[in-house]
C-alpha atoms as a PDB file:
ATOM      1  CA  UNK A   1    -205.535  37.267 100.194  1.00  0.00           C
ATOM      2  CA  UNK A   2    -202.719  40.276 100.522  1.00  0.00           C
ATOM      3  CA  UNK A   3    -203.527  42.977 103.193  1.00  0.00           C
ATOM      4  CA  UNK A   4    -201.492  46.564 102.592  1.00  0.00           C
ATOM      5  CA  UNK A   5    -202.146  49.182 105.421  1.00  0.00           C
ATOM      6  CA  UNK A   6    -200.216  52.715 104.245  1.00  0.00           C
ATOM      7  CA  UNK A   7    -200.018  55.370 106.992  1.00  0.00           C
ATOM      8  CA  UNK A   8    -198.588  58.425 106.364  1.00  0.00           C
ATOM      9  CA  UNK A   9    -196.494  59.891 109.277  1.00  0.00           C
ATOM     10  CA  UNK A  10    -198.514  62.482 111.640  1.00  0.00           C
ATOM     11  CA  UNK A  11    -198.173  65.998 111.589  1.00  0.00           C
ATOM     12  CA  UNK A  12    -194.539  66.706 112.413  1.00  0.00           C
ATOM     13  CA  UNK A  13    -193.590  69.807 114.031  1.00  0.00           C
ATOM     14  CA  UNK A  14    -191.474  72.438 111.777  1.00  0.00           C
ATOM     15  CA  UNK A  15    -189.826  74.385 114.367  1.00  0.00           C
ATOM     16  CA  UNK A  16    -186.434  74.846 114.595  1.00  0.00           C
ATOM     17  CA  UNK A  17    -183.099  74.178 113.143  1.00  0.00           C
ATOM     18  CA  UNK A  18    -183.312  70.393 112.998  1.00  0.00           C
ATOM     19  CA  UNK A  19    -182.378  68.569 110.049  1.00  0.00           C
ATOM     20  CA  UNK A  20    -185.223  67.040 108.188  1.00  0.00           C
ATOM     21  CA  UNK A  21    -184.778  63.296 109.296  1.00  0.00           C
ATOM     22  CA  UNK A  22    -185.018  64.559 113.018  1.00  0.00           C
ATOM     23  CA  UNK A  23    -188.069  66.552 113.150  1.00  0.00           C
ATOM     24  CA  UNK A  24    -190.741  65.422 115.699  1.00  0.00           C
ATOM     25  CA  UNK A  25    -194.095  65.448 115.631  1.00  0.00           C
ATOM     26  CA  UNK A  26    -195.903  68.268 117.179  1.00  0.00           C
ATOM     27  CA  UNK A  27    -198.802  68.377 119.484  1.00  0.00           C
ATOM     28  CA  UNK A  28    -201.568  67.463 116.885  1.00  0.00           C
ATOM     29  CA  UNK A  29    -199.137  64.685 115.451  1.00  0.00           C
ATOM     30  CA  UNK A  30    -198.716  63.663 119.307  1.00  0.00           C
ATOM     31  CA  UNK A  31    -202.253  63.681 119.740  1.00  0.00           C
ATOM     32  CA  UNK A  32    -203.221  62.213 116.816  1.00  0.00           C
ATOM     33  CA  UNK A  33    -201.048  59.032 116.119  1.00  0.00           C
ATOM     34  CA  UNK A  34    -202.297  57.235 119.142  1.00  0.00           C
ATOM     35  CA  UNK A  35    -205.932  58.098 118.163  1.00  0.00           C
ATOM     36  CA  UNK A  36    -205.898  56.657 114.456  1.00  0.00           C
ATOM     37  CA  UNK A  37    -203.813  53.490 115.793  1.00  0.00           C
ATOM     38  CA  UNK A  38    -206.650  52.734 118.421  1.00  0.00           C
ATOM     39  CA  UNK A  39    -209.320  53.266 115.604  1.00  0.00           C
ATOM     40  CA  UNK A  40    -207.409  50.832 113.116  1.00  0.00           C
ATOM     41  CA  UNK A  41    -207.284  48.160 116.405  1.00  0.00           C
ATOM     42  CA  UNK A  42    -210.590  48.474 116.542  1.00  0.00           C
ATOM     43  CA  UNK A  43    -211.459  47.261 112.697  1.00  0.00           C
ATOM     44  CA  UNK A  44    -209.489  43.926 113.419  1.00  0.00           C
ATOM     45  CA  UNK A  45    -206.069  44.580 111.654  1.00  0.00           C
ATOM     46  CA  UNK A  46    -203.514  42.752 112.578  1.00  0.00           C
ATOM     47  CA  UNK A  47    -199.918  43.592 110.624  1.00  0.00           C
ATOM     48  CA  UNK A  48    -197.470  40.865 110.075  1.00  0.00           C
ATOM     49  CA  UNK A  49    -195.272  43.420 109.820  1.00  0.00           C
ATOM     50  CA  UNK A  50    -194.611  47.125 110.378  1.00  0.00           C
ATOM     51  CA  UNK A  51    -192.612  48.641 108.178  1.00  0.00           C
ATOM     52  CA  UNK A  52    -191.066  52.351 108.859  1.00  0.00           C
ATOM     53  CA  UNK A  53    -188.876  54.991 107.695  1.00  0.00           C
ATOM     54  CA  UNK A  54    -185.626  55.900 110.670  1.00  0.00           C
ATOM     55  CA  UNK A  55    -187.027  59.642 110.288  1.00  0.00           C
ATOM     56  CA  UNK A  56    -188.101  60.220 113.763  1.00  0.00           C
ATOM     57  CA  UNK A  57    -191.774  61.527 112.645  1.00  0.00           C
ATOM     58  CA  UNK A  58    -192.506  58.371 110.944  1.00  0.00           C
ATOM     59  CA  UNK A  59    -190.334  56.355 113.713  1.00  0.00           C
ATOM     60  CA  UNK A  60    -192.762  57.846 116.564  1.00  0.00           C
ATOM     61  CA  UNK A  61    -196.361  57.470 114.529  1.00  0.00           C
ATOM     62  CA  UNK A  62    -195.060  53.587 113.799  1.00  0.00           C
ATOM     63  CA  UNK A  63    -194.244  52.961 117.837  1.00  0.00           C
ATOM     64  CA  UNK A  64    -197.900  54.659 118.049  1.00  0.00           C
ATOM     65  CA  UNK A  65    -199.186  51.957 116.068  1.00  0.00           C
ATOM     66  CA  UNK A  66    -196.886  48.954 117.226  1.00  0.00           C
ATOM     67  CA  UNK A  67    -198.250  49.559 120.823  1.00  0.00           C
ATOM     68  CA  UNK A  68    -201.890  49.571 119.693  1.00  0.00           C
ATOM     69  CA  UNK A  69    -201.201  46.366 117.358  1.00  0.00           C
ATOM     70  CA  UNK A  70    -199.503  44.544 119.435  1.00  0.00           C
ATOM     71  CA  UNK A  71    -196.256  44.286 117.090  1.00  0.00           C
ATOM     72  CA  UNK A  72    -192.832  45.496 116.992  1.00  0.00           C
ATOM     73  CA  UNK A  73    -191.783  48.227 114.417  1.00  0.00           C
ATOM     74  CA  UNK A  74    -188.993  47.248 111.580  1.00  0.00           C
ATOM     75  CA  UNK A  75    -186.791  50.505 110.453  1.00  0.00           C
ATOM     76  CA  UNK A  76    -185.956  50.758 107.329  1.00  0.00           C
ATOM     77  CA  UNK A  77    -183.834  53.474 106.028  1.00  0.00           C
ATOM     78  CA  UNK A  78    -184.389  52.869 102.586  1.00  0.00           C
ATOM     79  CA  UNK A  79    -188.464  54.062 103.397  1.00  0.00           C
ATOM     80  CA  UNK A  80    -187.185  57.773 103.837  1.00  0.00           C
ATOM     81  CA  UNK A  81    -188.003  59.725 101.086  1.00  0.00           C
ATOM     82  CA  UNK A  82    -188.944  56.756  99.202  1.00  0.00           C
ATOM     83  CA  UNK A  83    -191.260  56.487  95.834  1.00  0.00           C
ATOM     84  CA  UNK A  84    -194.266  54.565  95.514  1.00  0.00           C
ATOM     85  CA  UNK A  85    -192.362  51.556  93.613  1.00  0.00           C
ATOM     86  CA  UNK A  86    -189.896  51.588  96.552  1.00  0.00           C
ATOM     87  CA  UNK A  87    -192.777  51.583  99.083  1.00  0.00           C
ATOM     88  CA  UNK A  88    -194.414  48.684  97.453  1.00  0.00           C
ATOM     89  CA  UNK A  89    -191.255  46.377  96.780  1.00  0.00           C
ATOM     90  CA  UNK A  90    -190.663  46.648 100.504  1.00  0.00           C
ATOM     91  CA  UNK A  91    -194.156  45.687 101.180  1.00  0.00           C
ATOM     92  CA  UNK A  92    -194.241  42.948  98.872  1.00  0.00           C
ATOM     93  CA  UNK A  93    -190.110  41.564  99.754  1.00  0.00           C
ATOM     94  CA  UNK A  94    -191.404  41.525 103.461  1.00  0.00           C
ATOM     95  CA  UNK A  95    -193.423  38.108 102.431  1.00  0.00           C
ATOM     96  CA  UNK A  96    -195.719  38.951 105.406  1.00  0.00           C
ATOM     97  CA  UNK A  97    -199.709  38.235 104.493  1.00  0.00           C
ATOM     98  CA  UNK A  98    -200.313  41.804 105.985  1.00  0.00           C
ATOM     99  CA  UNK A  99    -197.880  44.460 105.805  1.00  0.00           C
ATOM    100  CA  UNK A 100    -197.936  47.996 107.206  1.00  0.00           C
ATOM    101  CA  UNK A 101    -195.966  50.755 106.196  1.00  0.00           C
ATOM    102  CA  UNK A 102    -195.467  54.372 107.467  1.00  0.00           C
ATOM    103  CA  UNK A 103    -193.598  56.536 105.594  1.00  0.00           C
ATOM    104  CA  UNK A 104    -194.046  59.985 103.871  1.00  0.00           C
ATOM    105  CA  UNK A 105    -195.296  61.746 101.043  1.00  0.00           C
ATOM    106  CA  UNK A 106    -194.941  62.161  98.011  1.00  0.00           C
ATOM    107  CA  UNK A 107    -194.586  58.537  98.445  1.00  0.00           C
ATOM    108  CA  UNK A 108    -197.298  57.224 100.268  1.00  0.00           C
ATOM    109  CA  UNK A 109    -200.232  59.486  98.249  1.00  0.00           C
ATOM    110  CA  UNK A 110    -198.599  58.057  94.902  1.00  0.00           C
ATOM    111  CA  UNK A 111    -198.916  54.644  96.146  1.00  0.00           C
ATOM    112  CA  UNK A 112    -202.462  55.459  97.367  1.00  0.00           C
ATOM    113  CA  UNK A 113    -203.543  56.901  94.531  1.00  0.00           C
ATOM    114  CA  UNK A 114    -202.072  54.292  92.101  1.00  0.00           C
ATOM    115  CA  UNK A 115    -203.641  51.529  93.826  1.00  0.00           C
ATOM    116  CA  UNK A 116    -206.903  53.503  94.344  1.00  0.00           C
ATOM    117  CA  UNK A 117    -207.006  53.844  90.755  1.00  0.00           C
ATOM    118  CA  UNK A 118    -206.937  57.487  91.302  1.00  0.00           C
ATOM    119  CA  UNK A 119    -209.497  57.548  94.292  1.00  0.00           C
ATOM    120  CA  UNK A 120    -207.244  58.887  96.557  1.00  0.00           C
ATOM    121  CA  UNK A 121    -205.359  62.082  95.623  1.00  0.00           C
ATOM    122  CA  UNK A 122    -203.792  62.996  98.609  1.00  0.00           C
ATOM    123  CA  UNK A 123    -203.276  61.507 102.281  1.00  0.00           C
ATOM    124  CA  UNK A 124    -202.888  63.715 104.926  1.00  0.00           C
ATOM    125  CA  UNK A 125    -201.081  63.523 107.916  1.00  0.00           C
ATOM    126  CA  UNK A 126    -201.810  60.161 109.927  1.00  0.00           C
ATOM    127  CA  UNK A 127    -204.334  58.951 107.047  1.00  0.00           C
ATOM    128  CA  UNK A 128    -204.407  55.284 106.764  1.00  0.00           C
ATOM    129  CA  UNK A 129    -205.531  53.612 103.586  1.00  0.00           C
ATOM    130  CA  UNK A 130    -206.024  49.724 103.979  1.00  0.00           C
ATOM    131  CA  UNK A 131    -205.570  47.661 100.534  1.00  0.00           C
ATOM    132  CA  UNK A 132    -206.178  44.188  99.791  1.00  0.00           C
ATOM    133  CA  UNK A 133    -205.821  41.609  96.615  1.00  0.00           C
ATOM    134  CA  UNK A 134    -205.404  38.474  95.860  1.00  0.00           C
ATOM    135  CA  UNK A 135    -202.017  37.624  94.278  1.00  0.00           C
ATOM    136  CA  UNK A 136    -198.542  35.869  94.894  1.00  0.00           C
ATOM    137  CA  UNK A 137    -196.524  39.168  95.065  1.00  0.00           C
ATOM    138  CA  UNK A 138    -197.191  42.305  94.862  1.00  0.00           C
ATOM    139  CA  UNK A 139    -195.127  43.118  91.777  1.00  0.00           C
ATOM    140  CA  UNK A 140    -197.402  40.484  89.871  1.00  0.00           C
ATOM    141  CA  UNK A 141    -200.365  42.300  90.725  1.00  0.00           C
ATOM    142  CA  UNK A 142    -202.673  44.484  88.344  1.00  0.00           C
ATOM    143  CA  UNK A 143    -202.907  47.681  89.951  1.00  0.00           C
ATOM    144  CA  UNK A 144    -206.748  47.488  89.243  1.00  0.00           C
ATOM    145  CA  UNK A 145    -206.945  44.334  91.460  1.00  0.00           C
ATOM    146  CA  UNK A 146    -206.422  45.803  94.661  1.00  0.00           C
ATOM    147  CA  UNK A 147    -209.232  47.095  96.352  1.00  0.00           C
ATOM    148  CA  UNK A 148    -209.284  49.841  99.403  1.00  0.00           C
ATOM    149  CA  UNK A 149    -211.313  49.343 102.201  1.00  0.00           C
ATOM    150  CA  UNK A 150    -213.048  52.057 104.090  1.00  0.00           C
ATOM    151  CA  UNK A 151    -214.748  51.785 107.517  1.00  0.00           C
ATOM    152  CA  UNK A 152    -217.800  50.154 108.366  1.00  0.00           C
ATOM    153  CA  UNK A 153    -216.651  47.421 105.980  1.00  0.00           C
ATOM    154  CA  UNK A 154    -217.127  49.396 102.822  1.00  0.00           C
ATOM    155  CA  UNK A 155    -214.893  48.773 100.410  1.00  0.00           C
ATOM    156  CA  UNK A 156    -213.956  51.043  97.073  1.00  0.00           C
ATOM    157  CA  UNK A 157    -212.705  54.500  96.572  1.00  0.00           C
ATOM    158  CA  UNK A 158    -212.806  56.907  99.543  1.00  0.00           C
ATOM    159  CA  UNK A 159    -211.554  58.596 102.330  1.00  0.00           C
ATOM    160  CA  UNK A 160    -208.071  57.156 103.462  1.00  0.00           C
ATOM    161  CA  UNK A 161    -208.582  57.920 106.925  1.00  0.00           C
ATOM    162  CA  UNK A 162    -210.125  56.135 109.712  1.00  0.00           C
END
């Protein structure tokens, strides 16, 4: 059984003349990231690997999850602006059973939509979607074979946030 936890970075600050890559989290993002991380930790999910974009807002979000889950963050430059295929390929390339990917839209929402067979149309900021599938490699998995897990132990399509 393989597990993929997709996380869209928390709400970022659009004020000030900073390059996109260097945008920090705003007050809501700084509040939401640790809160969502604690809620996910309460589910018992323990990723073997946490991959994150190098953008400041994704790094900061990933660090909140890493603190709550007791795992280090591996920064991946190619996750900045990555599309769904790159996100899935990088997750599968770790060889880990349980992988968390913290990245950006539109890639995160596109991958969540694909893996949920359209059940998730959009991942809001700091949303989490956890999928499982039986396959030796993500590239060999039929997208219809992915199962979305939602709070309370339910499965199927539903809200991407915890």
